Amino acid sequence: MFRKWVSVESPYVLQDQELRSYVFMKAIDKAGNKRIVSLPPKYPLKWYEMYENWIIIIIIAVFAIYLIFKFQLKLKMKNEK
């Protein structure tokens, strides 16, 4: 997720030309003073474009289907007695 810092000179061409990710900048002057700035994405991903969200949805759906089948099996066994 987080990458190592890259030493660059101005101007620097961003790899993410679609401006969909955060940009972190760290500046160090000759005296050793540091400053870190983060810029939010100009065009962030929609909720349905992030694979993490789909993984969560699929896990919840599988768990819900499991619970439904378990409940139906329990009712079926109860009705057979």
PDB file of N, CA and C in Angstrom:
ATOM      1  N   MET A   1       0.826  -1.184   0.000  1.00  0.00           N
ATOM      2  CA  MET A   1       0.000   0.000   0.000  1.00  0.00           C
ATOM      3  C   MET A   1       0.872   1.250   0.000  1.00  0.00           C
ATOM      4  N   PHE A   2       1.738   1.359   1.013  1.00  0.00           N
ATOM      5  CA  PHE A   2       2.625   2.511   1.050  1.00  0.00           C
ATOM      6  C   PHE A   2       3.946   2.142   0.411  1.00  0.00           C
ATOM      7  N   ARG A   3       4.445   3.039  -0.373  1.00  0.00           N
ATOM      8  CA  ARG A   3       5.703   2.799  -1.063  1.00  0.00           C
ATOM      9  C   ARG A   3       6.800   3.612  -0.414  1.00  0.00           C
ATOM     10  N   LYS A   4       8.030   3.264  -0.736  1.00  0.00           N
ATOM     11  CA  LYS A   4       9.167   4.010  -0.214  1.00  0.00           C
ATOM     12  C   LYS A   4       9.223   5.374  -0.893  1.00  0.00           C
ATOM     13  N   TRP A   5       9.855   6.303  -0.208  1.00  0.00           N
ATOM     14  CA  TRP A   5      10.026   7.633  -0.777  1.00  0.00           C
ATOM     15  C   TRP A   5      10.958   7.569  -1.981  1.00  0.00           C
ATOM     16  N   VAL A   6      10.681   8.400  -2.970  1.00  0.00           N
ATOM     17  CA  VAL A   6      11.493   8.469  -4.184  1.00  0.00           C
ATOM     18  C   VAL A   6      12.110   9.860  -4.249  1.00  0.00           C
ATOM     19  N   SER A   7      13.410   9.924  -4.424  1.00  0.00           N
ATOM     20  CA  SER A   7      14.084  11.222  -4.565  1.00  0.00           C
ATOM     21  C   SER A   7      13.877  11.727  -5.985  1.00  0.00           C
ATOM     22  N   VAL A   8      13.323  12.927  -6.094  1.00  0.00           N
ATOM     23  CA  VAL A   8      13.039  13.506  -7.411  1.00  0.00           C
ATOM     24  C   VAL A   8      13.414  14.976  -7.405  1.00  0.00           C
ATOM     25  N   GLU A   9      13.434  15.552  -8.587  1.00  0.00           N
ATOM     26  CA  GLU A   9      13.640  16.987  -8.744  1.00  0.00           C
ATOM     27  C   GLU A   9      12.427  17.559  -9.446  1.00  0.00           C
ATOM     28  N   SER A  10      12.216  18.837  -9.262  1.00  0.00           N
ATOM     29  CA  SER A  10      11.073  19.509  -9.860  1.00  0.00           C
ATOM     30  C   SER A  10      11.383  19.815 -11.317  1.00  0.00           C
ATOM     31  N   PRO A  11      10.469  19.667 -12.208  1.00  0.00           N
ATOM     32  CA  PRO A  11       9.124  19.103 -12.065  1.00  0.00           C
ATOM     33  C   PRO A  11       9.161  17.580 -12.101  1.00  0.00           C
ATOM     34  N   TYR A  12       8.187  16.967 -11.439  1.00  0.00           N
ATOM     35  CA  TYR A  12       8.081  15.508 -11.398  1.00  0.00           C
ATOM     36  C   TYR A  12       6.734  15.105 -11.985  1.00  0.00           C
ATOM     37  N   VAL A  13       6.742  14.163 -12.915  1.00  0.00           N
ATOM     38  CA  VAL A  13       5.509  13.683 -13.536  1.00  0.00           C
ATOM     39  C   VAL A  13       4.953  12.556 -12.682  1.00  0.00           C
ATOM     40  N   LEU A  14       3.724  12.721 -12.196  1.00  0.00           N
ATOM     41  CA  LEU A  14       3.091  11.703 -11.367  1.00  0.00           C
ATOM     42  C   LEU A  14       2.779  10.460 -12.181  1.00  0.00           C
ATOM     43  N   GLN A  15       2.919   9.292 -11.542  1.00  0.00           N
ATOM     44  CA  GLN A  15       2.575   8.049 -12.220  1.00  0.00           C
ATOM     45  C   GLN A  15       1.069   7.935 -12.401  1.00  0.00           C
ATOM     46  N   ASP A  16       0.314   8.430 -11.430  1.00  0.00           N
ATOM     47  CA  ASP A  16      -1.153   8.373 -11.490  1.00  0.00           C
ATOM     48  C   ASP A  16      -1.675   9.605 -12.220  1.00  0.00           C
ATOM     49  N   GLN A  17      -1.727   9.536 -13.530  1.00  0.00           N
ATOM     50  CA  GLN A  17      -2.165  10.669 -14.327  1.00  0.00           C
ATOM     51  C   GLN A  17      -3.676  10.888 -14.267  1.00  0.00           C
ATOM     52  N   GLU A  18      -4.416   9.900 -13.779  1.00  0.00           N
ATOM     53  CA  GLU A  18      -5.871  10.061 -13.650  1.00  0.00           C
ATOM     54  C   GLU A  18      -6.254  10.747 -12.344  1.00  0.00           C
ATOM     55  N   LEU A  19      -5.279  11.012 -11.484  1.00  0.00           N
ATOM     56  CA  LEU A  19      -5.471  11.698 -10.202  1.00  0.00           C
ATOM     57  C   LEU A  19      -6.495  10.994  -9.322  1.00  0.00           C
ATOM     58  N   ARG A  20      -6.343   9.671  -9.179  1.00  0.00           N
ATOM     59  CA  ARG A  20      -7.278   8.871  -8.387  1.00  0.00           C
ATOM     60  C   ARG A  20      -6.680   8.392  -7.068  1.00  0.00           C
ATOM     61  N   SER A  21      -5.449   8.747  -6.768  1.00  0.00           N
ATOM     62  CA  SER A  21      -4.827   8.282  -5.528  1.00  0.00           C
ATOM     63  C   SER A  21      -4.254   9.469  -4.756  1.00  0.00           C
ATOM     64  N   TYR A  22      -3.960   9.224  -3.489  1.00  0.00           N
ATOM     65  CA  TYR A  22      -3.354  10.256  -2.658  1.00  0.00           C
ATOM     66  C   TYR A  22      -1.912  10.482  -3.101  1.00  0.00           C
ATOM     67  N   VAL A  23      -1.447  11.720  -2.952  1.00  0.00           N
ATOM     68  CA  VAL A  23      -0.072  12.066  -3.262  1.00  0.00           C
ATOM     69  C   VAL A  23       0.562  12.555  -1.961  1.00  0.00           C
ATOM     70  N   PHE A  24       1.670  11.932  -1.562  1.00  0.00           N
ATOM     71  CA  PHE A  24       2.395  12.325  -0.366  1.00  0.00           C
ATOM     72  C   PHE A  24       3.728  12.920  -0.795  1.00  0.00           C
ATOM     73  N   MET A  25       4.046  14.091  -0.266  1.00  0.00           N
ATOM     74  CA  MET A  25       5.303  14.756  -0.592  1.00  0.00           C
ATOM     75  C   MET A  25       6.067  15.037   0.687  1.00  0.00           C
ATOM     76  N   LYS A  26       7.348  14.784   0.641  1.00  0.00           N
ATOM     77  CA  LYS A  26       8.222  15.068   1.781  1.00  0.00           C
ATOM     78  C   LYS A  26       9.364  15.934   1.270  1.00  0.00           C
ATOM     79  N   ALA A  27       9.499  17.109   1.879  1.00  0.00           N
ATOM     80  CA  ALA A  27      10.565  18.032   1.487  1.00  0.00           C
ATOM     81  C   ALA A  27      11.545  18.172   2.638  1.00  0.00           C
ATOM     82  N   ILE A  28      12.829  18.111   2.307  1.00  0.00           N
ATOM     83  CA  ILE A  28      13.881  18.271   3.306  1.00  0.00           C
ATOM     84  C   ILE A  28      14.822  19.359   2.800  1.00  0.00           C
ATOM     85  N   ASP A  29      15.011  20.404   3.615  1.00  0.00           N
ATOM     86  CA  ASP A  29      15.930  21.457   3.186  1.00  0.00           C
ATOM     87  C   ASP A  29      17.356  21.128   3.642  1.00  0.00           C
ATOM     88  N   LYS A  30      18.289  22.003   3.301  1.00  0.00           N
ATOM     89  CA  LYS A  30      19.701  21.742   3.598  1.00  0.00           C
ATOM     90  C   LYS A  30      19.988  21.750   5.092  1.00  0.00           C
ATOM     91  N   ALA A  31      19.120  22.383   5.881  1.00  0.00           N
ATOM     92  CA  ALA A  31      19.299  22.411   7.333  1.00  0.00           C
ATOM     93  C   ALA A  31      18.760  21.135   7.985  1.00  0.00           C
ATOM     94  N   GLY A  32      18.088  20.292   7.199  1.00  0.00           N
ATOM     95  CA  GLY A  32      17.550  19.043   7.724  1.00  0.00           C
ATOM     96  C   GLY A  32      16.103  19.132   8.182  1.00  0.00           C
ATOM     97  N   ASN A  33      15.480  20.294   7.975  1.00  0.00           N
ATOM     98  CA  ASN A  33      14.066  20.439   8.324  1.00  0.00           C
ATOM     99  C   ASN A  33      13.211  19.638   7.352  1.00  0.00           C
ATOM    100  N   LYS A  34      12.204  18.927   7.889  1.00  0.00           N
ATOM    101  CA  LYS A  34      11.334  18.088   7.051  1.00  0.00           C
ATOM    102  C   LYS A  34       9.912  18.605   7.092  1.00  0.00           C
ATOM    103  N   ARG A  35       9.231  18.416   5.984  1.00  0.00           N
ATOM    104  CA  ARG A  35       7.813  18.725   5.925  1.00  0.00           C
ATOM    105  C   ARG A  35       7.155  17.691   5.032  1.00  0.00           C
ATOM    106  N   ILE A  36       6.064  17.096   5.553  1.00  0.00           N
ATOM    107  CA  ILE A  36       5.317  16.094   4.786  1.00  0.00           C
ATOM    108  C   ILE A  36       3.911  16.633   4.541  1.00  0.00           C
ATOM    109  N   VAL A  37       3.497  16.580   3.287  1.00  0.00           N
ATOM    110  CA  VAL A  37       2.176  17.070   2.885  1.00  0.00           C
ATOM    111  C   VAL A  37       1.489  15.975   2.089  1.00  0.00           C
ATOM    112  N   SER A  38       0.173  15.826   2.294  1.00  0.00           N
ATOM    113  CA  SER A  38      -0.592  14.862   1.496  1.00  0.00           C
ATOM    114  C   SER A  38      -1.707  15.594   0.767  1.00  0.00           C
ATOM    115  N   LEU A  39      -1.913  15.207  -0.463  1.00  0.00           N
ATOM    116  CA  LEU A  39      -2.980  15.783  -1.279  1.00  0.00           C
ATOM    117  C   LEU A  39      -4.002  14.692  -1.575  1.00  0.00           C
ATOM    118  N   PRO A  40      -5.287  14.964  -1.324  1.00  0.00           N
ATOM    119  CA  PRO A  40      -6.309  13.956  -1.626  1.00  0.00           C
ATOM    120  C   PRO A  40      -6.499  13.813  -3.131  1.00  0.00           C
ATOM    121  N   PRO A  41      -7.062  12.689  -3.562  1.00  0.00           N
ATOM    122  CA  PRO A  41      -7.281  12.500  -5.002  1.00  0.00           C
ATOM    123  C   PRO A  41      -8.298  13.492  -5.542  1.00  0.00           C
ATOM    124  N   LYS A  42      -8.043  14.003  -6.724  1.00  0.00           N
ATOM    125  CA  LYS A  42      -8.975  14.941  -7.356  1.00  0.00           C
ATOM    126  C   LYS A  42     -10.204  14.201  -7.865  1.00  0.00           C
ATOM    127  N   TYR A  43     -10.013  12.987  -8.376  1.00  0.00           N
ATOM    128  CA  TYR A  43     -11.110  12.154  -8.878  1.00  0.00           C
ATOM    129  C   TYR A  43     -11.066  10.807  -8.167  1.00  0.00           C
ATOM    130  N   PRO A  44     -11.545  10.749  -6.917  1.00  0.00           N
ATOM    131  CA  PRO A  44     -11.436   9.488  -6.163  1.00  0.00           C
ATOM    132  C   PRO A  44     -12.272   8.376  -6.782  1.00  0.00           C
ATOM    133  N   LEU A  45     -11.876   7.141  -6.477  1.00  0.00           N
ATOM    134  CA  LEU A  45     -12.617   5.986  -6.969  1.00  0.00           C
ATOM    135  C   LEU A  45     -14.009   5.955  -6.343  1.00  0.00           C
ATOM    136  N   LYS A  46     -14.976   5.519  -7.112  1.00  0.00           N
ATOM    137  CA  LYS A  46     -16.320   5.308  -6.584  1.00  0.00           C
ATOM    138  C   LYS A  46     -16.306   4.066  -5.704  1.00  0.00           C
ATOM    139  N   TRP A  47     -17.311   3.907  -4.862  1.00  0.00           N
ATOM    140  CA  TRP A  47     -17.332   2.771  -3.930  1.00  0.00           C
ATOM    141  C   TRP A  47     -17.316   1.444  -4.674  1.00  0.00           C
ATOM    142  N   TYR A  48     -17.939   1.383  -5.841  1.00  0.00           N
ATOM    143  CA  TYR A  48     -18.027   0.122  -6.580  1.00  0.00           C
ATOM    144  C   TYR A  48     -16.783  -0.153  -7.425  1.00  0.00           C
ATOM    145  N   GLU A  49     -15.853   0.793  -7.478  1.00  0.00           N
ATOM    146  CA  GLU A  49     -14.620   0.583  -8.224  1.00  0.00           C
ATOM    147  C   GLU A  49     -13.497   0.019  -7.345  1.00  0.00           C
ATOM    148  N   MET A  50     -13.731  -0.058  -6.046  1.00  0.00           N
ATOM    149  CA  MET A  50     -12.714  -0.558  -5.126  1.00  0.00           C
ATOM    150  C   MET A  50     -12.952  -2.040  -4.852  1.00  0.00           C
ATOM    151  N   TYR A  51     -11.950  -2.863  -5.133  1.00  0.00           N
ATOM    152  CA  TYR A  51     -12.115  -4.309  -4.993  1.00  0.00           C
ATOM    153  C   TYR A  51     -12.338  -4.723  -3.548  1.00  0.00           C
ATOM    154  N   GLU A  52     -11.822  -3.944  -2.594  1.00  0.00           N
ATOM    155  CA  GLU A  52     -12.018  -4.290  -1.185  1.00  0.00           C
ATOM    156  C   GLU A  52     -13.504  -4.321  -0.826  1.00  0.00           C
ATOM    157  N   ASN A  53     -14.255  -3.382  -1.358  1.00  0.00           N
ATOM    158  CA  ASN A  53     -15.693  -3.345  -1.085  1.00  0.00           C
ATOM    159  C   ASN A  53     -16.394  -4.578  -1.638  1.00  0.00           C
ATOM    160  N   TRP A  54     -15.996  -5.027  -2.818  1.00  0.00           N
ATOM    161  CA  TRP A  54     -16.617  -6.214  -3.411  1.00  0.00           C
ATOM    162  C   TRP A  54     -16.291  -7.461  -2.609  1.00  0.00           C
ATOM    163  N   ILE A  55     -15.086  -7.534  -2.066  1.00  0.00           N
ATOM    164  CA  ILE A  55     -14.727  -8.685  -1.230  1.00  0.00           C
ATOM    165  C   ILE A  55     -15.614  -8.728   0.004  1.00  0.00           C
ATOM    166  N   ILE A  56     -15.826  -7.582   0.639  1.00  0.00           N
ATOM    167  CA  ILE A  56     -16.692  -7.523   1.821  1.00  0.00           C
ATOM    168  C   ILE A  56     -18.122  -7.907   1.467  1.00  0.00           C
ATOM    169  N   ILE A  57     -18.627  -7.401   0.353  1.00  0.00           N
ATOM    170  CA  ILE A  57     -19.999  -7.722  -0.076  1.00  0.00           C
ATOM    171  C   ILE A  57     -20.137  -9.218  -0.333  1.00  0.00           C
ATOM    172  N   ILE A  58     -19.156  -9.824  -0.994  1.00  0.00           N
ATOM    173  CA  ILE A  58     -19.220 -11.258  -1.292  1.00  0.00           C
ATOM    174  C   ILE A  58     -19.170 -12.080  -0.010  1.00  0.00           C
ATOM    175  N   ILE A  59     -18.316 -11.699   0.930  1.00  0.00           N
ATOM    176  CA  ILE A  59     -18.244 -12.430   2.197  1.00  0.00           C
ATOM    177  C   ILE A  59     -19.568 -12.347   2.940  1.00  0.00           C
ATOM    178  N   ILE A  60     -20.162 -11.169   2.991  1.00  0.00           N
ATOM    179  CA  ILE A  60     -21.460 -11.011   3.671  1.00  0.00           C
ATOM    180  C   ILE A  60     -22.534 -11.826   2.964  1.00  0.00           C
ATOM    181  N   ALA A  61     -22.538 -11.832   1.627  1.00  0.00           N
ATOM    182  CA  ALA A  61     -23.539 -12.594   0.870  1.00  0.00           C
ATOM    183  C   ALA A  61     -23.386 -14.094   1.123  1.00  0.00           C
ATOM    184  N   VAL A  62     -22.157 -14.584   1.110  1.00  0.00           N
ATOM    185  CA  VAL A  62     -21.927 -16.015   1.362  1.00  0.00           C
ATOM    186  C   VAL A  62     -22.379 -16.379   2.771  1.00  0.00           C
ATOM    187  N   PHE A  63     -22.069 -15.551   3.741  1.00  0.00           N
ATOM    188  CA  PHE A  63     -22.489 -15.803   5.113  1.00  0.00           C
ATOM    189  C   PHE A  63     -24.012 -15.786   5.239  1.00  0.00           C
ATOM    190  N   ALA A  64     -24.674 -14.835   4.552  1.00  0.00           N
ATOM    191  CA  ALA A  64     -26.138 -14.767   4.589  1.00  0.00           C
ATOM    192  C   ALA A  64     -26.762 -16.010   3.964  1.00  0.00           C
ATOM    193  N   ILE A  65     -26.219 -16.463   2.837  1.00  0.00           N
ATOM    194  CA  ILE A  65     -26.728 -17.674   2.183  1.00  0.00           C
ATOM    195  C   ILE A  65     -26.526 -18.881   3.091  1.00  0.00           C
ATOM    196  N   TYR A  66     -25.378 -18.958   3.757  1.00  0.00           N
ATOM    197  CA  TYR A  66     -25.115 -20.042   4.697  1.00  0.00           C
ATOM    198  C   TYR A  66     -26.153 -20.045   5.822  1.00  0.00           C
ATOM    199  N   LEU A  67     -26.434 -18.872   6.390  1.00  0.00           N
ATOM    200  CA  LEU A  67     -27.420 -18.789   7.467  1.00  0.00           C
ATOM    201  C   LEU A  67     -28.820 -19.180   6.992  1.00  0.00           C
ATOM    202  N   ILE A  68     -29.179 -18.771   5.783  1.00  0.00           N
ATOM    203  CA  ILE A  68     -30.503 -19.116   5.240  1.00  0.00           C
ATOM    204  C   ILE A  68     -30.628 -20.625   5.073  1.00  0.00           C
ATOM    205  N   PHE A  69     -29.620 -21.259   4.473  1.00  0.00           N
ATOM    206  CA  PHE A  69     -29.679 -22.712   4.286  1.00  0.00           C
ATOM    207  C   PHE A  69     -29.670 -23.447   5.620  1.00  0.00           C
ATOM    208  N   LYS A  70     -28.908 -22.961   6.564  1.00  0.00           N
ATOM    209  CA  LYS A  70     -28.861 -23.580   7.888  1.00  0.00           C
ATOM    210  C   LYS A  70     -30.230 -23.478   8.570  1.00  0.00           C
ATOM    211  N   PHE A  71     -30.870 -22.322   8.462  1.00  0.00           N
ATOM    212  CA  PHE A  71     -32.194 -22.128   9.055  1.00  0.00           C
ATOM    213  C   PHE A  71     -33.234 -23.012   8.371  1.00  0.00           C
ATOM    214  N   GLN A  72     -33.178 -23.093   7.035  1.00  0.00           N
ATOM    215  CA  GLN A  72     -34.123 -23.943   6.307  1.00  0.00           C
ATOM    216  C   GLN A  72     -33.922 -25.407   6.660  1.00  0.00           C
ATOM    217  N   LEU A  73     -32.689 -25.854   6.807  1.00  0.00           N
ATOM    218  CA  LEU A  73     -32.410 -27.232   7.179  1.00  0.00           C
ATOM    219  C   LEU A  73     -32.931 -27.525   8.578  1.00  0.00           C
ATOM    220  N   LYS A  74     -32.775 -26.575   9.471  1.00  0.00           N
ATOM    221  CA  LYS A  74     -33.266 -26.728  10.837  1.00  0.00           C
ATOM    222  C   LYS A  74     -34.796 -26.842  10.841  1.00  0.00           C
ATOM    223  N   LEU A  75     -35.468 -26.009  10.024  1.00  0.00           N
ATOM    224  CA  LEU A  75     -36.940 -26.078   9.934  1.00  0.00           C
ATOM    225  C   LEU A  75     -37.380 -27.412   9.328  1.00  0.00           C
ATOM    226  N   LYS A  76     -36.672 -27.874   8.322  1.00  0.00           N
ATOM    227  CA  LYS A  76     -37.008 -29.132   7.670  1.00  0.00           C
ATOM    228  C   LYS A  76     -36.876 -30.298   8.645  1.00  0.00           C
ATOM    229  N   MET A  77     -35.792 -30.311   9.432  1.00  0.00           N
ATOM    230  CA  MET A  77     -35.607 -31.365  10.408  1.00  0.00           C
ATOM    231  C   MET A  77     -36.659 -31.299  11.521  1.00  0.00           C
ATOM    232  N   LYS A  78     -37.063 -30.088  11.875  1.00  0.00           N
ATOM    233  CA  LYS A  78     -38.079 -29.911  12.916  1.00  0.00           C
ATOM    234  C   LYS A  78     -39.438 -30.400  12.414  1.00  0.00           C
ATOM    235  N   ASN A  79     -39.769 -30.180  11.154  1.00  0.00           N
ATOM    236  CA  ASN A  79     -41.050 -30.585  10.581  1.00  0.00           C
ATOM    237  C   ASN A  79     -41.116 -32.090  10.363  1.00  0.00           C
ATOM    238  N   GLU A  80     -39.966 -32.746  10.187  1.00  0.00           N
ATOM    239  CA  GLU A  80     -39.955 -34.190   9.963  1.00  0.00           C
ATOM    240  C   GLU A  80     -40.203 -34.972  11.251  1.00  0.00           C
ATOM    241  N   LYS A  81     -39.994 -34.362  12.395  1.00  0.00           N
ATOM    242  CA  LYS A  81     -40.196 -35.065  13.671  1.00  0.00           C
ATOM    243  C   LYS A  81     -41.619 -35.211  14.005  1.00  0.00           C
TER     244      LYS A  81
END
